[in-house]
Amino acid sequence: MKVLHVGAEIFPLVKTGGLADVLGALPQALIAAGADVRLLLPGLPAIVDAVLHQKVVCEIGPCFGAARGTLRLGQMPYSKVPIYIVDAPYRYRRPGSPYQASDGSEWADNVQRFALLGWVGAQLAAGELDPAWTPSLVHAHDWHAAMTCAYVAAHPPTAAATVFTVHNLAYQGLFPSGDFALLGLPSRFMASSGLEYHQQLSFMKAGLKFAQRVTTVSPTYAREIATHEFGFGLDGVIRGRGGDVSGVLNGVDGVVWNPATDASLAARYSPTQLQGKAKCKLALQAELGLKPGAEAPLFGLVSRLTSQKGLDLLLGALPGLLRRGGQLALQGSGDPALEAAFVAAAQAHPGAVAARIGYDEAFAHRLIAGADAILVPSRFEPCGLTQLYGLRYGTLPVVRRVGGLADTVVDASDEAVQADRATGFSFDAATPAALDTAIQRAIAAHAEPARWQGLMRRAMAQDFSWTGAAQKYMALYRQLTGTPAVAGRTG
């Protein structure tokens, strides 16, 4: 089965969030399950500069306002997964993130940049650009790749099936309705049954309406986005798809995230040899200027600093955390007001609060390994990877019971602890008081070393590898393409 994944970022080359981790790991797991997988990504500088053994597949020519374009095929470094690159320098070769300039403003030509990506995906699906390899299924990820589904639908002879995964419904790719003329689609696509969304143009809606199947990155999130609270105005569209919407929980790359082999750490450790985690904690405290010691429960946070992530809730709960002897180590960036608030908290509480604004992958590993607990107080969370990394590193998650957080963390109630199922601490209301109560419970458990170590070992025993997710996707792919399972394979 030939499967083309279309996305905008990939770990370790370009990463703004969990989408990059998924694109970096899922294709490898699918290949291990027996699929013939290739990737399609825009020719961002970090991608063009790193992909190995590039060769020209075809010249795309001027389209979507690009003076010229070339489709290249190469290999991802490290994984060797084959990758197509849309090399259109005018649209993609620029500094900043894949979506924004360095000042935080959206690129003014994003409608053309990501329409081009989707159009190339559909042309590959139709066998028009690389006759030597034509996918039987195209899997598009988030709004940046959603137009692939619309362009495939606009050309019915295309035999490829389509799957669209919603990684975060809050980011929808909205553009002025007048930009529809730039897309080269029949006028019927700019209707309420198509891309039109409150007199705007929605790329996210293109994926939701025109993909044959829609998935999300956790089962709970698949149910949540069909509600008014979590649907961001698209809940009616999602309800209209009925059983075509399902959730497949993201996994963790067990090679990248493994405390027993992680070269970023001050000391390595495992569920049976936990001594190294204490050394990681002391090293993190020293690195951040926190008061050293094993007794103080150290709460970590690695996150975009946004309202979605519940960081204002943490600011409200922070006095209680500090009053009970806890420490906070934070890495993240985002809302300038939140950045300033956490920097001010660190200045006001030296030795107890440390805030690093920005993102560094190696430091994220050190922070998660060195903390006792990882905070994920999100207002909504499609899947969440931070809590999965925490579980893997024996760093107990403190989470709001939503989306993938509800699917992956078992609250340490007395009943769950007695049954040896508990892996963290959950709360329900999106309020500082509810978060404060969960933090209190974590601090109380931390004061009982035997209880805490039991929770750590149970957390580290959880299996959230990509193998299970790949098997679920393979079953979906086979259903859509009519491909029988290969004897002897579980995928």
Protein backbone atom coordinates (compact mmCIF):
# COMPACT_ATOMS: atom_id res chain seq x y z
CA MET A 1 0.00 0.00 0.00
CA LYS A 2 1.45 3.36 -1.07
CA VAL A 3 0.66 6.22 1.34
CA LEU A 4 1.56 9.89 0.94
CA HIS A 5 1.62 12.04 4.10
CA VAL A 6 1.30 15.79 3.52
CA GLY A 7 2.28 18.26 6.24
CA ALA A 8 4.07 21.52 6.97
CA GLU A 9 6.69 20.60 9.58
CA ILE A 10 8.68 17.61 10.76
CA PHE A 11 10.94 16.79 13.69
CA PRO A 12 13.87 17.28 13.90
CA LEU A 13 14.06 19.76 11.00
CA VAL A 14 11.18 22.18 11.60
CA LYS A 15 9.08 22.10 14.76
CA THR A 16 6.51 24.50 16.21
CA GLY A 17 4.47 21.86 18.07
CA GLY A 18 3.40 18.25 18.33
CA LEU A 19 2.52 18.03 14.62
CA ALA A 20 6.23 17.87 13.82
CA ASP A 21 6.72 14.96 16.23
CA VAL A 22 3.86 13.07 14.59
CA LEU A 23 5.23 13.57 11.06
CA GLY A 24 8.66 12.55 12.26
CA ALA A 25 7.54 9.29 13.89
CA LEU A 26 4.28 7.99 12.38
CA PRO A 27 5.63 7.33 8.85
CA GLN A 28 8.44 5.21 10.31
CA ALA A 29 5.92 3.15 12.29
CA LEU A 30 3.74 2.71 9.18
CA ILE A 31 6.74 1.53 7.17
CA ALA A 32 7.50 -1.00 9.90
CA ALA A 33 3.86 -2.14 9.59
CA GLY A 34 4.30 -2.82 5.87
CA ALA A 35 3.25 0.41 4.13
CA ASP A 36 5.21 2.13 1.36
CA VAL A 37 5.22 5.67 2.80
CA ARG A 38 6.48 8.96 1.43
CA LEU A 39 6.21 12.49 2.80
CA LEU A 40 5.41 15.77 1.06
CA LEU A 41 6.57 18.99 2.72
CA PRO A 42 7.15 22.61 1.66
CA GLY A 43 10.69 23.61 0.76
CA LEU A 44 11.43 25.54 3.94
CA PRO A 45 15.13 26.37 4.38
CA ALA A 46 15.73 23.85 7.19
CA ILE A 47 14.11 21.09 5.12
CA VAL A 48 15.85 21.86 1.83
CA ASP A 49 19.22 22.13 3.57
CA ALA A 50 18.93 18.84 5.50
CA VAL A 51 17.20 16.31 3.23
CA LEU A 52 19.66 13.84 1.74
CA HIS A 53 20.19 12.60 -1.83
CA GLN A 54 17.81 15.07 -3.46
CA LYS A 55 16.97 14.61 -7.12
CA VAL A 56 14.60 16.53 -9.36
CA VAL A 57 11.36 14.69 -10.07
CA CYS A 58 9.82 17.38 -12.27
CA GLU A 59 9.55 21.09 -12.83
CA ILE A 60 6.26 22.43 -11.52
CA GLY A 61 6.48 25.74 -13.33
CA PRO A 62 4.95 29.03 -12.23
CA CYS A 63 1.79 28.56 -10.18
CA PHE A 64 0.13 30.10 -7.11
CA GLY A 65 2.23 33.20 -7.67
CA ALA A 66 5.53 31.35 -7.46
CA ALA A 67 7.93 32.32 -10.24
CA ARG A 68 9.11 28.74 -10.49
CA GLY A 69 8.82 25.48 -8.62
CA THR A 70 10.56 22.15 -8.59
CA LEU A 71 9.48 18.87 -7.04
CA ARG A 72 12.42 17.05 -5.48
CA LEU A 73 12.68 13.59 -3.92
CA GLY A 74 15.17 12.78 -1.19
CA GLN A 75 15.55 11.03 2.15
CA MET A 76 15.00 12.25 5.66
CA PRO A 77 18.23 12.29 7.65
CA TYR A 78 18.28 9.71 10.46
CA SER A 79 15.09 7.86 9.45
CA LYS A 80 15.74 7.63 5.66
CA VAL A 81 11.99 8.03 5.00
CA PRO A 82 11.50 9.20 1.38
CA ILE A 83 10.37 12.82 1.18
CA TYR A 84 9.11 15.01 -1.65
CA ILE A 85 9.97 18.68 -1.33
CA VAL A 86 8.03 21.46 -3.04
CA ASP A 87 11.00 23.69 -3.80
CA ALA A 88 9.40 27.06 -4.57
CA PRO A 89 11.90 29.60 -3.20
CA TYR A 90 9.65 32.63 -3.61
CA ARG A 91 7.02 31.03 -1.36
CA TYR A 92 9.09 29.04 1.12
CA ARG A 93 12.72 30.18 1.33
CA ARG A 94 12.42 32.80 4.06
CA PRO A 95 13.31 33.20 7.75
CA GLY A 96 10.79 32.80 10.54
CA SER A 97 8.42 29.94 11.28
CA PRO A 98 6.50 27.99 8.62
CA TYR A 99 3.49 30.22 9.24
CA GLN A 100 4.74 33.52 10.65
CA ALA A 101 7.45 36.12 10.27
CA SER A 102 9.90 36.68 13.11
CA ASP A 103 7.69 39.49 14.45
CA GLY A 104 4.79 37.05 14.92
CA SER A 105 2.67 38.29 12.00
CA GLU A 106 1.14 35.74 9.64
CA TRP A 107 2.77 35.54 6.23
CA ALA A 108 0.54 37.55 3.90
CA ASP A 109 0.74 34.88 1.19
CA ASN A 110 -0.11 31.85 3.36
CA VAL A 111 -3.19 31.16 1.22
CA GLN A 112 -0.95 30.61 -1.80
CA ARG A 113 1.85 28.89 0.10
CA PHE A 114 -0.39 26.16 1.49
CA ALA A 115 -2.68 25.95 -1.53
CA LEU A 116 0.46 25.10 -3.51
CA LEU A 117 1.35 22.36 -1.02
CA GLY A 118 -2.14 20.85 -1.28
CA TRP A 119 -2.21 21.12 -5.08
CA VAL A 120 1.07 19.26 -5.39
CA GLY A 121 -0.25 16.58 -3.05
CA ALA A 122 -3.32 16.11 -5.24
CA GLN A 123 -1.21 16.03 -8.42
CA LEU A 124 0.96 13.30 -6.92
CA ALA A 125 -2.21 11.42 -5.99
CA ALA A 126 -3.35 11.64 -9.61
CA GLY A 127 -0.04 10.30 -10.91
CA GLU A 128 0.64 13.55 -12.76
CA LEU A 129 4.01 14.52 -11.24
CA ASP A 130 5.78 11.25 -10.51
CA PRO A 131 4.42 8.40 -12.65
CA ALA A 132 6.98 6.07 -11.00
CA TRP A 133 5.16 6.30 -7.65
CA THR A 134 1.43 6.98 -7.28
CA PRO A 135 -0.11 6.70 -3.81
CA SER A 136 -3.25 4.71 -3.18
CA LEU A 137 -4.03 6.96 -0.19
CA VAL A 138 -3.17 10.53 0.79
CA HIS A 139 -3.09 11.48 4.48
CA ALA A 140 -3.18 15.26 5.05
CA HIS A 141 -2.34 16.84 8.40
CA ASP A 142 -4.04 19.97 9.77
CA TRP A 143 -5.16 23.04 7.86
CA HIS A 144 -1.81 23.57 6.15
CA ALA A 145 -2.31 20.38 4.11
CA ALA A 146 -6.11 20.30 4.03
CA MET A 147 -6.42 21.68 0.53
CA THR A 148 -5.01 18.38 -0.73
CA CYS A 149 -8.43 16.87 -0.03
CA ALA A 150 -10.25 19.64 -1.90
CA TYR A 151 -8.02 19.36 -4.97
CA VAL A 152 -8.43 15.57 -5.03
CA ALA A 153 -12.22 16.03 -4.79
CA ALA A 154 -12.12 18.54 -7.66
CA HIS A 155 -10.68 15.85 -9.94
CA PRO A 156 -12.88 12.76 -9.44
CA PRO A 157 -10.80 10.45 -11.69
CA THR A 158 -8.13 10.47 -8.96
CA ALA A 159 -8.23 7.00 -7.45
CA ALA A 160 -6.42 7.81 -4.21
CA ALA A 161 -8.41 7.70 -0.98
CA THR A 162 -8.06 10.64 1.43
CA VAL A 163 -7.68 10.92 5.20
CA PHE A 164 -7.49 14.24 7.05
CA THR A 165 -6.18 14.50 10.61
CA VAL A 166 -7.15 17.41 12.86
CA HIS A 167 -4.24 18.12 15.18
CA ASN A 168 -5.72 21.32 16.63
CA LEU A 169 -9.10 22.68 15.52
CA ALA A 170 -8.35 26.10 17.01
CA TYR A 171 -6.02 26.88 14.10
CA GLN A 172 -8.19 26.87 10.98
CA GLY A 173 -6.39 28.63 8.14
CA LEU A 174 -8.92 31.42 7.62
CA PHE A 175 -8.53 33.84 4.72
CA PRO A 176 -10.63 36.54 3.02
CA SER A 177 -13.28 35.12 0.72
CA GLY A 178 -11.76 37.09 -2.17
CA ASP A 179 -8.69 34.83 -1.98
CA PHE A 180 -10.77 31.98 -3.38
CA ALA A 181 -9.92 33.24 -6.86
CA LEU A 182 -6.29 32.32 -6.19
CA LEU A 183 -7.07 28.64 -5.66
CA GLY A 184 -8.09 27.57 -9.16
CA LEU A 185 -11.08 25.58 -7.92
CA PRO A 186 -14.58 25.43 -9.46
CA SER A 187 -16.91 28.06 -8.01
CA ARG A 188 -19.08 25.40 -6.35
CA PHE A 189 -16.30 24.85 -3.82
CA MET A 190 -16.86 28.35 -2.41
CA ALA A 191 -20.24 27.53 -0.87
CA SER A 192 -21.44 26.67 2.61
CA SER A 193 -21.17 23.02 1.55
CA GLY A 194 -17.51 23.68 0.70
CA LEU A 195 -14.83 26.09 1.89
CA GLU A 196 -17.04 29.07 2.80
CA TYR A 197 -17.03 29.81 6.52
CA HIS A 198 -18.87 32.92 7.78
CA GLN A 199 -17.98 34.81 4.59
CA GLN A 200 -14.38 33.69 4.86
CA LEU A 201 -12.36 30.92 3.27
CA SER A 202 -11.44 28.04 5.59
CA PHE A 203 -8.69 25.57 4.74
CA MET A 204 -9.57 23.48 7.81
CA LYS A 205 -13.09 23.11 6.47
CA ALA A 206 -11.65 21.84 3.18
CA GLY A 207 -10.24 18.85 5.02
CA LEU A 208 -13.36 18.30 7.11
CA LYS A 209 -15.69 18.41 4.10
CA PHE A 210 -13.72 16.68 1.36
CA ALA A 211 -11.62 13.97 3.03
CA GLN A 212 -13.18 10.53 2.93
CA ARG A 213 -12.35 10.02 6.59
CA VAL A 214 -11.45 12.50 9.34
CA THR A 215 -9.34 11.54 12.32
CA THR A 216 -8.18 13.39 15.38
CA VAL A 217 -5.22 12.67 17.63
CA SER A 218 -7.19 11.15 20.52
CA PRO A 219 -10.58 9.43 20.91
CA THR A 220 -11.87 11.94 23.49
CA TYR A 221 -10.96 14.90 21.27
CA ALA A 222 -12.88 13.31 18.39
CA ARG A 223 -16.00 13.43 20.56
CA GLU A 224 -15.26 16.88 21.99
CA ILE A 225 -14.93 18.70 18.65
CA ALA A 226 -18.50 17.72 17.79
CA THR A 227 -19.67 19.93 20.70
CA HIS A 228 -20.18 23.68 20.83
CA GLU A 229 -17.62 24.05 23.64
CA PHE A 230 -14.72 22.54 21.70
CA GLY A 231 -15.85 22.83 18.06
CA PHE A 232 -14.68 26.41 17.35
CA GLY A 233 -17.67 27.00 15.10
CA LEU A 234 -17.10 23.84 13.06
CA ASP A 235 -18.94 21.44 15.38
CA GLY A 236 -21.93 21.32 13.02
CA VAL A 237 -19.69 20.31 10.11
CA ILE A 238 -18.10 17.61 12.27
CA ARG A 239 -21.44 16.29 13.51
CA GLY A 240 -22.52 16.16 9.89
CA ARG A 241 -19.71 13.71 9.12
CA GLY A 242 -21.09 11.30 11.74
CA GLY A 243 -19.17 8.03 11.86
CA ASP A 244 -16.57 9.31 9.39
CA VAL A 245 -14.81 11.02 12.34
CA SER A 246 -12.72 8.98 14.75
CA GLY A 247 -9.75 9.38 17.06
CA VAL A 248 -6.38 7.63 17.00
CA LEU A 249 -4.16 8.41 19.96
CA ASN A 250 -0.72 9.79 19.14
CA GLY A 251 2.34 7.88 20.24
CA VAL A 252 5.82 8.64 21.52
CA ASP A 253 9.04 7.98 19.66
CA GLY A 254 10.68 5.54 22.04
CA VAL A 255 14.11 6.15 20.55
CA VAL A 256 14.01 9.93 20.99
CA TRP A 257 12.28 9.81 24.39
CA ASN A 258 13.96 7.15 26.52
CA PRO A 259 15.53 8.02 29.89
CA ALA A 260 17.67 4.89 29.75
CA THR A 261 19.51 6.08 26.63
CA ASP A 262 18.91 9.87 26.49
CA ALA A 263 22.27 11.57 25.96
CA SER A 264 20.80 14.94 26.98
CA LEU A 265 20.45 13.90 30.62
CA ALA A 266 22.85 14.35 33.51
CA ALA A 267 22.24 10.69 34.38
CA ARG A 268 20.26 7.91 32.77
CA TYR A 269 17.68 5.80 34.55
CA SER A 270 14.95 3.20 34.13
CA PRO A 271 11.96 1.89 36.11
CA THR A 272 14.23 -0.60 37.89
CA GLN A 273 17.13 1.84 38.33
CA LEU A 274 15.61 5.15 39.41
CA GLN A 275 18.69 6.63 41.09
CA GLY A 276 19.60 8.60 37.99
CA LYS A 277 16.38 10.61 38.15
CA ALA A 278 17.41 12.14 41.47
CA LYS A 279 20.69 13.21 39.86
CA CYS A 280 18.73 14.75 36.98
CA LYS A 281 16.71 16.77 39.48
CA LEU A 282 19.78 18.12 41.25
CA ALA A 283 21.40 18.95 37.90
CA LEU A 284 18.28 20.82 36.75
CA GLN A 285 18.06 22.77 40.01
CA ALA A 286 21.71 23.77 39.62
CA GLU A 287 21.27 24.73 35.96
CA LEU A 288 18.28 26.96 36.73
CA GLY A 289 19.47 28.41 40.04
CA LEU A 290 16.74 26.69 42.05
CA LYS A 291 17.40 25.78 45.67
CA PRO A 292 18.94 22.29 45.59
CA GLY A 293 17.35 19.40 47.39
CA ALA A 294 15.25 16.30 46.89
CA GLU A 295 12.54 17.29 49.37
CA ALA A 296 10.98 20.18 47.43
CA PRO A 297 8.53 18.84 44.82
CA LEU A 298 9.69 20.27 41.49
CA PHE A 299 6.94 20.95 38.94
CA GLY A 300 7.97 21.31 35.32
CA LEU A 301 6.21 22.88 32.37
CA VAL A 302 7.19 22.75 28.67
CA SER A 303 4.55 24.49 26.60
CA ARG A 304 3.45 27.22 24.28
CA LEU A 305 2.43 30.04 26.58
CA THR A 306 -1.18 30.52 25.49
CA SER A 307 -4.62 30.61 27.02
CA GLN A 308 -5.37 27.23 25.45
CA LYS A 309 -2.64 25.67 27.58
CA GLY A 310 -4.18 27.03 30.81
CA LEU A 311 -1.13 29.02 31.77
CA ASP A 312 -3.25 31.73 33.38
CA LEU A 313 -4.64 28.99 35.62
CA LEU A 314 -1.11 28.15 36.69
CA LEU A 315 -0.37 31.77 37.53
CA GLY A 316 -3.42 31.72 39.79
CA ALA A 317 -2.33 28.47 41.46
CA LEU A 318 1.35 29.40 41.74
CA PRO A 319 1.15 31.08 45.20
CA GLY A 320 -0.28 27.90 46.70
CA LEU A 321 2.37 25.76 45.01
CA LEU A 322 5.14 27.93 46.47
CA ARG A 323 3.51 28.22 49.89
CA ARG A 324 3.58 24.43 50.19
CA GLY A 325 7.27 24.27 49.40
CA GLY A 326 7.06 23.47 45.69
CA GLN A 327 9.30 24.72 42.88
CA LEU A 328 8.47 25.58 39.27
CA ALA A 329 10.73 25.17 36.22
CA LEU A 330 9.24 26.46 32.96
CA GLN A 331 10.24 26.56 29.32
CA GLY A 332 8.02 28.11 26.68
CA SER A 333 7.12 31.10 24.58
CA GLY A 334 3.98 32.67 23.19
CA ASP A 335 1.68 35.33 24.59
CA PRO A 336 3.91 38.30 25.58
CA ALA A 337 1.77 38.97 28.66
CA LEU A 338 2.20 35.39 29.87
CA GLU A 339 5.91 35.45 29.11
CA ALA A 340 6.27 38.64 31.17
CA ALA A 341 4.19 37.22 34.03
CA PHE A 342 6.35 34.11 34.40
CA VAL A 343 9.58 36.09 34.11
CA ALA A 344 8.27 38.39 36.84
CA ALA A 345 7.38 35.37 39.00
CA ALA A 346 10.93 34.04 38.61
CA GLN A 347 12.36 37.41 39.60
CA ALA A 348 10.05 37.63 42.61
CA HIS A 349 10.84 34.09 43.80
CA PRO A 350 14.52 33.36 43.11
CA GLY A 351 15.45 29.83 44.02
CA ALA A 352 11.85 28.66 43.71
CA VAL A 353 10.74 29.68 40.19
CA ALA A 354 12.77 29.60 36.96
CA ALA A 355 11.48 30.61 33.53
CA ARG A 356 13.23 30.15 30.22
CA ILE A 357 11.51 31.91 27.34
CA GLY A 358 12.01 30.11 24.04
CA TYR A 359 12.41 26.46 23.12
CA ASP A 360 15.41 24.17 23.21
CA GLU A 361 14.85 20.47 22.52
CA ALA A 362 17.74 19.19 24.64
CA PHE A 363 16.75 21.39 27.56
CA ALA A 364 13.16 20.14 27.28
CA HIS A 365 14.50 16.61 27.82
CA ARG A 366 16.53 17.75 30.85
CA LEU A 367 13.56 19.61 32.32
CA ILE A 368 11.15 16.71 31.96
CA ALA A 369 13.70 14.26 33.38
CA GLY A 370 14.62 16.53 36.29
CA ALA A 371 11.11 17.51 37.37
CA ASP A 372 9.03 15.41 39.75
CA ALA A 373 5.76 16.33 38.04
CA ILE A 374 4.82 17.87 34.68
CA LEU A 375 1.99 20.40 34.49
CA VAL A 376 -0.48 20.30 31.56
CA PRO A 377 -3.50 22.35 32.74
CA SER A 378 -4.95 22.85 29.24
CA ARG A 379 -8.39 24.28 28.55
CA PHE A 380 -8.48 21.85 25.62
CA GLU A 381 -5.86 19.42 24.40
CA PRO A 382 -6.27 17.40 21.19
CA CYS A 383 -3.76 14.81 22.36
CA GLY A 384 -0.88 16.33 24.24
CA LEU A 385 2.58 14.87 23.99
CA THR A 386 4.15 16.50 27.04
CA GLN A 387 2.22 14.28 29.43
CA LEU A 388 3.30 11.22 27.42
CA TYR A 389 6.93 12.31 27.70
CA GLY A 390 6.34 12.81 31.42
CA LEU A 391 4.96 9.30 31.81
CA ARG A 392 7.91 7.88 29.91
CA TYR A 393 10.35 9.71 32.21
CA GLY A 394 8.55 8.94 35.48
CA THR A 395 7.55 12.61 35.79
CA LEU A 396 3.95 12.43 36.95
CA PRO A 397 1.48 14.51 34.92
CA VAL A 398 -0.88 17.00 36.54
CA VAL A 399 -3.54 17.50 33.87
CA ARG A 400 -7.00 18.79 33.17
CA ARG A 401 -9.29 15.92 32.21
CA VAL A 402 -9.86 16.86 28.54
CA GLY A 403 -8.96 15.42 25.14
CA GLY A 404 -5.91 13.22 25.01
CA LEU A 405 -5.07 14.08 28.61
CA ALA A 406 -8.20 12.22 29.71
CA ASP A 407 -7.23 9.28 27.49
CA THR A 408 -3.68 8.90 28.80
CA VAL A 409 -3.53 9.81 32.51
CA VAL A 410 -5.22 7.79 35.27
CA ASP A 411 -5.92 9.95 38.30
CA ALA A 412 -4.31 8.87 41.57
CA SER A 413 -7.54 8.29 43.44
CA ASP A 414 -7.33 5.91 46.38
CA GLU A 415 -9.09 3.26 44.32
CA ALA A 416 -6.73 3.64 41.33
CA VAL A 417 -3.66 3.62 43.57
CA GLN A 418 -4.82 0.44 45.33
CA ALA A 419 -5.45 -1.18 41.95
CA ASP A 420 -1.99 -0.08 40.74
CA ARG A 421 -3.47 1.87 37.81
CA ALA A 422 -2.74 5.48 38.82
CA THR A 423 -0.26 7.46 36.73
CA GLY A 424 -0.88 11.12 37.61
CA PHE A 425 -3.28 13.73 38.93
CA SER A 426 -6.35 15.08 37.11
CA PHE A 427 -8.82 17.91 37.65
CA ASP A 428 -11.97 19.00 35.82
CA ALA A 429 -12.87 22.69 36.15
CA ALA A 430 -10.75 25.20 34.23
CA THR A 431 -10.09 27.26 37.37
CA PRO A 432 -6.98 28.07 39.43
CA ALA A 433 -8.71 26.53 42.46
CA ALA A 434 -9.21 23.17 40.74
CA LEU A 435 -5.59 23.14 39.57
CA ASP A 436 -4.45 24.13 43.07
CA THR A 437 -6.30 21.14 44.53
CA ALA A 438 -4.59 18.77 42.08
CA ILE A 439 -1.20 20.30 42.93
CA GLN A 440 -1.94 19.84 46.65
CA ARG A 441 -2.66 16.16 46.04
CA ALA A 442 0.59 15.78 44.10
CA ILE A 443 2.60 17.45 46.85
CA ALA A 444 0.99 15.21 49.48
CA ALA A 445 1.85 12.10 47.45
CA HIS A 446 5.41 13.33 46.92
CA ALA A 447 5.84 13.51 50.69
CA GLU A 448 5.39 9.70 50.78
CA PRO A 449 8.43 8.35 48.87
CA ALA A 450 7.17 4.77 48.61
CA ARG A 451 3.81 5.94 47.24
CA TRP A 452 5.48 8.31 44.80
CA GLN A 453 7.90 5.70 43.47
CA GLY A 454 5.02 3.30 42.94
CA LEU A 455 3.27 5.94 40.84
CA MET A 456 6.47 6.60 38.90
CA ARG A 457 6.96 2.94 38.05
CA ARG A 458 3.35 2.54 36.96
CA ALA A 459 3.67 5.67 34.78
CA MET A 460 6.87 4.39 33.15
CA ALA A 461 5.22 1.02 32.45
CA GLN A 462 2.64 2.61 30.11
CA ASP A 463 3.01 1.76 26.43
CA PHE A 464 2.26 4.71 24.18
CA SER A 465 4.51 3.65 21.32
CA TRP A 466 3.64 4.47 17.71
CA THR A 467 3.16 0.78 16.93
CA GLY A 468 -0.42 0.73 18.18
CA ALA A 469 -1.34 3.95 16.39
CA ALA A 470 0.20 2.67 13.16
CA GLN A 471 -1.86 -0.52 13.36
CA LYS A 472 -5.07 1.52 13.75
CA TYR A 473 -4.17 3.73 10.78
CA MET A 474 -3.28 0.69 8.68
CA ALA A 475 -6.71 -0.79 9.41
CA LEU A 476 -8.32 2.49 8.30
CA TYR A 477 -6.17 2.65 5.17
CA ARG A 478 -7.07 -0.93 4.23
CA GLN A 479 -10.76 -0.18 4.71
CA LEU A 480 -10.62 2.86 2.42
CA THR A 481 -8.48 1.26 -0.29
CA GLY A 482 -9.89 -2.25 -0.14
CA THR A 483 -6.42 -3.62 0.56
CA PRO A 484 -6.37 -6.96 2.38
CA ALA A 485 -4.14 -7.48 5.39
CA VAL A 486 -0.87 -9.25 4.65
CA ALA A 487 -0.63 -12.66 6.30
CA GLY A 488 1.79 -12.67 9.20
CA ARG A 489 1.61 -8.90 9.79
CA THR A 490 -0.20 -7.32 12.73
CA GLY A 491 -0.37 -3.99 10.87
